[in-house]
Structure formats: structure tokens, C-alpha cells
Amino acid sequence: MEDLFPYFPLLFVAFGALIILRSIKGIIDGKQFVRQAQRVPGVVSDVRTTFVGRGEHLRAMQRPVLTFTTVEGREITTEAATTSDLGIGNETEVL
């Protein structure tokens, strides 16, 4: 077992390299989605507030609920994955 001890730092390097590669792939995939996605107008139909943390670290996160019609004509209502300051009734572009 003592013979393996010098190789532990390589394990952390390999793990770090995997994390970096996954991050790079996520960035590339996200940019590719934004380039290829069809854009449609949407409107904020609701705002959902969730609270994160405790005590003095308590924060409110507001995510808009978007309603939009797809290119195929289907009406979709979904909660945005990111937080936003958009209020009810505001129009926005949906990918």
C-alpha cells in the first residue's frame, strides 16, 4: 500500500482534468444550442420565488415562468432554469 502513496497526486490531477474537460464540453454544447435554437417570443406569466440558505445567509431566488408558442404551434409554459428580474407581463425571447 505504501507503494501507491506517491500516485495519489496523479489521481487528483486526473480527476481535475476530467472536470475541466466536462466543463469545456458543456460550454461548447451550450454555444452550439444557442446557435441552432429557434427563437420565439414569450411572456412572463408568473414568477416563482424560492429561498436558499439559512439565517443571515437566506436569499430569495426568483425564476420567471414563461409561456410561449413553439414554431409548430404548441403552447408551452415552463419555469426558466435561471433567475431573472423580469416581472409578470414582460416579453422575452425564448430559445
N, C-alpha and C. Protein backbone atom coordinates (compact mmCIF):
# COMPACT_ATOMS: atom_id res chain seq x y z
N MET A 1 0.82 -1.20 0.00
CA MET A 1 0.00 0.00 0.00
C MET A 1 0.86 1.26 0.00
N GLU A 2 2.00 1.19 0.66
CA GLU A 2 2.89 2.35 0.70
C GLU A 2 3.44 2.67 -0.69
N ASP A 3 3.48 1.67 -1.57
CA ASP A 3 3.97 1.90 -2.93
C ASP A 3 2.99 2.74 -3.75
N LEU A 4 1.72 2.74 -3.35
CA LEU A 4 0.70 3.50 -4.09
C LEU A 4 0.64 4.97 -3.66
N PHE A 5 1.14 5.28 -2.48
CA PHE A 5 1.03 6.64 -1.95
C PHE A 5 1.57 7.72 -2.89
N PRO A 6 2.71 7.52 -3.56
CA PRO A 6 3.22 8.56 -4.46
C PRO A 6 2.30 8.84 -5.65
N TYR A 7 1.37 7.93 -5.95
CA TYR A 7 0.50 8.10 -7.11
C TYR A 7 -0.81 8.83 -6.78
N PHE A 8 -1.08 9.08 -5.52
CA PHE A 8 -2.30 9.78 -5.14
C PHE A 8 -2.41 11.16 -5.77
N PRO A 9 -1.35 11.96 -5.83
CA PRO A 9 -1.47 13.26 -6.51
C PRO A 9 -1.90 13.13 -7.97
N LEU A 10 -1.47 12.05 -8.65
CA LEU A 10 -1.89 11.84 -10.03
C LEU A 10 -3.38 11.58 -10.13
N LEU A 11 -3.94 10.95 -9.11
CA LEU A 11 -5.38 10.71 -9.07
C LEU A 11 -6.13 12.04 -9.04
N PHE A 12 -5.66 12.98 -8.23
CA PHE A 12 -6.30 14.30 -8.16
C PHE A 12 -6.13 15.07 -9.47
N VAL A 13 -4.97 14.94 -10.09
CA VAL A 13 -4.74 15.61 -11.37
C VAL A 13 -5.70 15.04 -12.43
N ALA A 14 -5.83 13.71 -12.46
CA ALA A 14 -6.73 13.08 -13.42
C ALA A 14 -8.17 13.51 -13.18
N PHE A 15 -8.58 13.55 -11.92
CA PHE A 15 -9.94 13.97 -11.58
C PHE A 15 -10.17 15.42 -11.99
N GLY A 16 -9.20 16.28 -11.74
CA GLY A 16 -9.30 17.69 -12.14
C GLY A 16 -9.38 17.84 -13.65
N ALA A 17 -8.59 17.03 -14.37
CA ALA A 17 -8.62 17.09 -15.84
C ALA A 17 -9.99 16.66 -16.37
N LEU A 18 -10.61 15.66 -15.76
CA LEU A 18 -11.95 15.22 -16.16
C LEU A 18 -12.97 16.33 -15.94
N ILE A 19 -12.88 17.01 -14.83
CA ILE A 19 -13.80 18.11 -14.54
C ILE A 19 -13.63 19.22 -15.57
N ILE A 20 -12.40 19.56 -15.89
CA ILE A 20 -12.14 20.61 -16.88
C ILE A 20 -12.68 20.21 -18.25
N LEU A 21 -12.45 18.97 -18.67
CA LEU A 21 -12.94 18.51 -19.96
C LEU A 21 -14.46 18.52 -20.03
N ARG A 22 -15.13 18.10 -18.96
CA ARG A 22 -16.60 18.13 -18.93
C ARG A 22 -17.11 19.57 -19.01
N SER A 23 -16.42 20.48 -18.33
CA SER A 23 -16.82 21.89 -18.37
C SER A 23 -16.68 22.47 -19.77
N ILE A 24 -15.58 22.16 -20.43
CA ILE A 24 -15.36 22.64 -21.79
C ILE A 24 -16.44 22.09 -22.72
N LYS A 25 -16.76 20.81 -22.58
CA LYS A 25 -17.81 20.20 -23.41
C LYS A 25 -19.15 20.88 -23.16
N GLY A 26 -19.47 21.20 -21.90
CA GLY A 26 -20.72 21.89 -21.58
C GLY A 26 -20.79 23.26 -22.22
N ILE A 27 -19.70 23.98 -22.21
CA ILE A 27 -19.66 25.31 -22.83
C ILE A 27 -19.87 25.20 -24.33
N ILE A 28 -19.18 24.26 -24.96
CA ILE A 28 -19.31 24.07 -26.41
C ILE A 28 -20.74 23.67 -26.76
N ASP A 29 -21.31 22.73 -26.02
CA ASP A 29 -22.69 22.29 -26.28
C ASP A 29 -23.68 23.44 -26.10
N GLY A 30 -23.48 24.27 -25.08
CA GLY A 30 -24.36 25.41 -24.85
C GLY A 30 -24.29 26.42 -25.99
N LYS A 31 -23.09 26.71 -26.46
CA LYS A 31 -22.95 27.65 -27.57
C LYS A 31 -23.56 27.09 -28.85
N GLN A 32 -23.40 25.79 -29.07
CA GLN A 32 -23.98 25.16 -30.25
C GLN A 32 -25.51 25.22 -30.18
N PHE A 33 -26.09 25.00 -28.99
CA PHE A 33 -27.54 25.08 -28.84
C PHE A 33 -28.04 26.48 -29.16
N VAL A 34 -27.37 27.50 -28.63
CA VAL A 34 -27.79 28.88 -28.86
C VAL A 34 -27.73 29.23 -30.34
N ARG A 35 -26.73 28.73 -31.06
CA ARG A 35 -26.62 28.98 -32.50
C ARG A 35 -27.74 28.33 -33.29
N GLN A 36 -28.12 27.10 -32.91
CA GLN A 36 -29.07 26.32 -33.69
C GLN A 36 -30.52 26.48 -33.25
N ALA A 37 -30.76 26.97 -32.04
CA ALA A 37 -32.12 27.02 -31.49
C ALA A 37 -32.98 28.03 -32.25
N GLN A 38 -34.25 27.69 -32.39
CA GLN A 38 -35.19 28.62 -32.98
C GLN A 38 -35.69 29.55 -31.87
N ARG A 39 -35.84 30.81 -32.21
CA ARG A 39 -36.26 31.81 -31.24
C ARG A 39 -37.73 32.15 -31.46
N VAL A 40 -38.47 32.22 -30.35
CA VAL A 40 -39.88 32.59 -30.41
C VAL A 40 -40.15 33.60 -29.29
N PRO A 41 -41.13 34.47 -29.48
CA PRO A 41 -41.45 35.42 -28.41
C PRO A 41 -42.19 34.71 -27.28
N GLY A 42 -41.89 35.13 -26.07
CA GLY A 42 -42.55 34.58 -24.90
C GLY A 42 -42.92 35.69 -23.94
N VAL A 43 -43.74 35.36 -22.95
CA VAL A 43 -44.15 36.34 -21.95
C VAL A 43 -44.03 35.69 -20.57
N VAL A 44 -43.66 36.49 -19.59
CA VAL A 44 -43.57 36.01 -18.21
C VAL A 44 -44.99 35.95 -17.65
N SER A 45 -45.46 34.73 -17.36
CA SER A 45 -46.83 34.56 -16.86
C SER A 45 -46.89 34.46 -15.35
N ASP A 46 -45.76 34.21 -14.70
CA ASP A 46 -45.71 34.10 -13.24
C ASP A 46 -44.25 34.21 -12.82
N VAL A 47 -44.02 34.44 -11.55
CA VAL A 47 -42.67 34.44 -11.00
C VAL A 47 -42.69 33.57 -9.76
N ARG A 48 -41.81 32.55 -9.73
CA ARG A 48 -41.73 31.66 -8.58
C ARG A 48 -40.52 32.05 -7.75
N THR A 49 -40.76 32.21 -6.46
CA THR A 49 -39.70 32.59 -5.54
C THR A 49 -39.36 31.41 -4.65
N THR A 50 -38.07 31.07 -4.58
CA THR A 50 -37.59 30.04 -3.67
C THR A 50 -36.54 30.67 -2.77
N PHE A 51 -36.41 30.12 -1.59
CA PHE A 51 -35.44 30.64 -0.62
C PHE A 51 -34.32 29.63 -0.43
N VAL A 52 -33.10 30.14 -0.42
CA VAL A 52 -31.91 29.30 -0.29
C VAL A 52 -31.10 29.80 0.89
N GLY A 53 -30.59 28.88 1.69
CA GLY A 53 -29.76 29.24 2.82
C GLY A 53 -30.56 29.32 4.11
N ARG A 54 -29.87 29.77 5.16
CA ARG A 54 -30.50 29.89 6.48
C ARG A 54 -30.00 31.15 7.18
N GLY A 55 -30.81 31.63 8.08
CA GLY A 55 -30.43 32.76 8.91
C GLY A 55 -30.04 33.98 8.09
N GLU A 56 -28.88 34.55 8.43
CA GLU A 56 -28.44 35.76 7.72
C GLU A 56 -27.97 35.45 6.30
N HIS A 57 -27.85 34.19 5.95
CA HIS A 57 -27.44 33.79 4.60
C HIS A 57 -28.64 33.44 3.72
N LEU A 58 -29.85 33.69 4.22
CA LEU A 58 -31.07 33.39 3.46
C LEU A 58 -31.20 34.33 2.27
N ARG A 59 -31.38 33.75 1.08
CA ARG A 59 -31.53 34.54 -0.14
C ARG A 59 -32.78 34.10 -0.87
N ALA A 60 -33.43 35.05 -1.51
CA ALA A 60 -34.60 34.75 -2.35
C ALA A 60 -34.15 34.67 -3.80
N MET A 61 -34.57 33.62 -4.48
CA MET A 61 -34.26 33.46 -5.91
C MET A 61 -35.58 33.49 -6.67
N GLN A 62 -35.65 34.36 -7.67
CA GLN A 62 -36.88 34.49 -8.46
C GLN A 62 -36.65 33.96 -9.86
N ARG A 63 -37.45 32.96 -10.22
CA ARG A 63 -37.39 32.38 -11.56
C ARG A 63 -38.69 32.67 -12.29
N PRO A 64 -38.60 33.25 -13.48
CA PRO A 64 -39.82 33.54 -14.24
C PRO A 64 -40.43 32.26 -14.81
N VAL A 65 -41.75 32.23 -14.87
CA VAL A 65 -42.47 31.17 -15.55
C VAL A 65 -42.84 31.74 -16.91
N LEU A 66 -42.36 31.10 -17.97
CA LEU A 66 -42.53 31.61 -19.33
C LEU A 66 -43.61 30.85 -20.07
N THR A 67 -44.43 31.59 -20.80
CA THR A 67 -45.43 30.99 -21.68
C THR A 67 -45.10 31.44 -23.10
N PHE A 68 -45.00 30.46 -24.00
CA PHE A 68 -44.67 30.77 -25.39
C PHE A 68 -45.29 29.73 -26.30
N THR A 69 -45.35 30.06 -27.58
CA THR A 69 -45.88 29.14 -28.59
C THR A 69 -44.73 28.71 -29.48
N THR A 70 -44.55 27.39 -29.64
CA THR A 70 -43.47 26.87 -30.47
C THR A 70 -43.73 27.16 -31.94
N VAL A 71 -42.72 26.94 -32.75
CA VAL A 71 -42.85 27.12 -34.20
C VAL A 71 -43.94 26.19 -34.74
N GLU A 72 -44.11 25.02 -34.12
CA GLU A 72 -45.13 24.05 -34.55
C GLU A 72 -46.54 24.44 -34.08
N GLY A 73 -46.66 25.46 -33.23
CA GLY A 73 -47.96 25.92 -32.77
C GLY A 73 -48.40 25.42 -31.40
N ARG A 74 -47.54 24.69 -30.69
CA ARG A 74 -47.88 24.21 -29.34
C ARG A 74 -47.60 25.29 -28.31
N GLU A 75 -48.54 25.50 -27.39
CA GLU A 75 -48.32 26.47 -26.31
C GLU A 75 -47.65 25.75 -25.14
N ILE A 76 -46.55 26.32 -24.67
CA ILE A 76 -45.75 25.74 -23.60
C ILE A 76 -45.66 26.73 -22.46
N THR A 77 -45.76 26.23 -21.24
CA THR A 77 -45.50 27.02 -20.03
C THR A 77 -44.44 26.27 -19.23
N THR A 78 -43.34 26.96 -18.92
CA THR A 78 -42.25 26.32 -18.20
C THR A 78 -41.54 27.33 -17.32
N GLU A 79 -40.93 26.83 -16.27
CA GLU A 79 -40.15 27.69 -15.39
C GLU A 79 -38.74 27.80 -15.95
N ALA A 80 -38.22 29.01 -16.00
CA ALA A 80 -36.87 29.23 -16.53
C ALA A 80 -35.85 28.56 -15.62
N ALA A 81 -34.75 28.11 -16.21
CA ALA A 81 -33.70 27.45 -15.45
C ALA A 81 -32.84 28.45 -14.68
N THR A 82 -32.87 29.71 -15.09
CA THR A 82 -32.04 30.73 -14.45
C THR A 82 -32.91 31.77 -13.77
N THR A 83 -32.33 32.47 -12.83
CA THR A 83 -33.05 33.54 -12.15
C THR A 83 -33.08 34.78 -13.02
N SER A 84 -34.05 35.66 -12.74
CA SER A 84 -34.20 36.86 -13.55
C SER A 84 -35.00 37.90 -12.77
N ASP A 85 -34.84 39.15 -13.16
CA ASP A 85 -35.62 40.23 -12.57
C ASP A 85 -36.85 40.56 -13.41
N LEU A 86 -37.14 39.77 -14.44
CA LEU A 86 -38.31 40.02 -15.27
C LEU A 86 -39.58 39.84 -14.46
N GLY A 87 -40.48 40.79 -14.58
CA GLY A 87 -41.76 40.71 -13.87
C GLY A 87 -42.87 40.16 -14.75
N ILE A 88 -43.99 39.87 -14.13
CA ILE A 88 -45.14 39.33 -14.84
C ILE A 88 -45.56 40.31 -15.94
N GLY A 89 -45.79 39.75 -17.14
CA GLY A 89 -46.22 40.56 -18.27
C GLY A 89 -45.10 41.00 -19.19
N ASN A 90 -43.86 40.89 -18.73
CA ASN A 90 -42.73 41.27 -19.58
C ASN A 90 -42.52 40.26 -20.70
N GLU A 91 -42.19 40.77 -21.88
CA GLU A 91 -41.93 39.90 -23.02
C GLU A 91 -40.43 39.60 -23.08
N THR A 92 -40.12 38.40 -23.57
CA THR A 92 -38.72 37.99 -23.70
C THR A 92 -38.60 36.98 -24.83
N GLU A 93 -37.40 36.80 -25.31
CA GLU A 93 -37.15 35.82 -26.38
C GLU A 93 -36.83 34.46 -25.73
N VAL A 94 -37.45 33.41 -26.27
CA VAL A 94 -37.25 32.06 -25.75
C VAL A 94 -36.56 31.23 -26.82
N LEU A 95 -35.56 30.47 -26.42
CA LEU A 95 -34.84 29.59 -27.37
C LEU A 95 -35.43 28.19 -27.27
